[in-house]
Amino acid sequence: MKIGIVSPYALPEKGAASMRVDSFQKHFLLNNHETKILTPFRDRGFLDKKVIRYKSFKELKKELKNFQYIIISCPSFYTAFRIIPFLKLKKIPFVLDFRDLAENSQRRANILFQLVSVKLASKVIVVTEYMKNYFVKKYKINPKKIEVVSNGVDRDIFYPTKNRIKTRKELKISARDSVLIYEGIIGDHGLREFFENLTKDILVENNIKIILAVIVGETENKTKVVLENFEKMLKKRRLREFVIIIKNSSPDKLREYISASDFGLAPIPSDINNMYRVPIKAYDYVACGIPVLAKGPVNGELEKFLKGNNYGYFSSNWKDLIKKMAKISKSKIKINKKNIETFDRKTSAKKLLAHILK
């Protein structure tokens, strides 16, 4: 089968969408299904025969005709909304892959795009049980139409390494320090709030150092400005000396930084619109063998993921979370690794392929 995956991004562009569709493509290719990722063209010199970078919707539609099955990664909700009528007209089967809900989008029109897209799709995949139940209840969709395919982690990339001492030495971190790591986009969910609730005294009393392995846009000035303002905030709060900022790490280096840390920070907003979310960073931390320190909504998927698998510590507010951080920094906690294979991206890709071939 010839499969096309429409995605807002593709490797080497960093981010959750890129990693997810890459894992799908790898699995499909290994199972003899010719697969291409279709993503918008960005003038950054990216060349890859496995990726088609289109410059217009007209060009995208022309490419779509060459495939027997299409996977549409959502967001972008608008892209899905525009190409679904074309796929229906050409009788090309497709599945919608929802990584996020439109309710979290800044564009309110995306909620309409989501509604229409879900109603028209023959098959839908979502990343958590909460999302499935949400769609079934809100849009009165047959549960058999929806499959849960978690984000998970690429365990060929993320696993515990034995270079802890070497990596800490490179970063000038002492053996007695407890290290908290955060991986993600600078300016992402709650990171600034975490530091605004943190004090120098807590870090000093508990010998805590913090690694920020952040994605900073190489061509977008906006993210660079966010980072500059972030550093100003750290200096103002007298926290800068405790924070090591590492920009745009490769996956191999990121694995080393996580493995050299003692616990990983994974915050999301504590509101009802984020009940469905388990941030990918949480899976990465667990795969590298460190517990997760997370903030989010009570009884949400993130809390269930951590408590149900004994993967770390959860709170719905910053004050309590920082207290937990101070407490666990005094002891080296090991986590349960028994269920991690359940969240392997190979397992997710296999599940998706089975859903397509039904």
Foldseek 3Di string as FASTA:
>chain_A
DEEEEEFQDAPPPDDLRNVLVVLLCVLCVVVVHHYAYEHADDPPPDDDPRYHHDPDVVRVLVVVLVGQEYEYEPPVLVNLLVCLVVCVVSVRAYEYEYAAACVPPPDPCSNVSVLVNVVSHQAYEYAFPVVLVCCCVPNVDDSLRYYHQHSFDALVLFAADPCLVVVCVVVVQDPLAAEEEEEEAQVDACPLVLLVLDAPVLCVVLRYAYEYEHEADPPDVVSVVSVVVSLVVCVVRVNNVRYHYHYDDDSNVVNNVLNNHQEYEDEHAQDPSCLADDDRVLNRNVNNWHAYQYEYHPNGPNVCVCVVFVRHDYDPDSVVSSVVVSVCSNDRDTGRNVCSVVRHSSVSSVVVVVSVVD
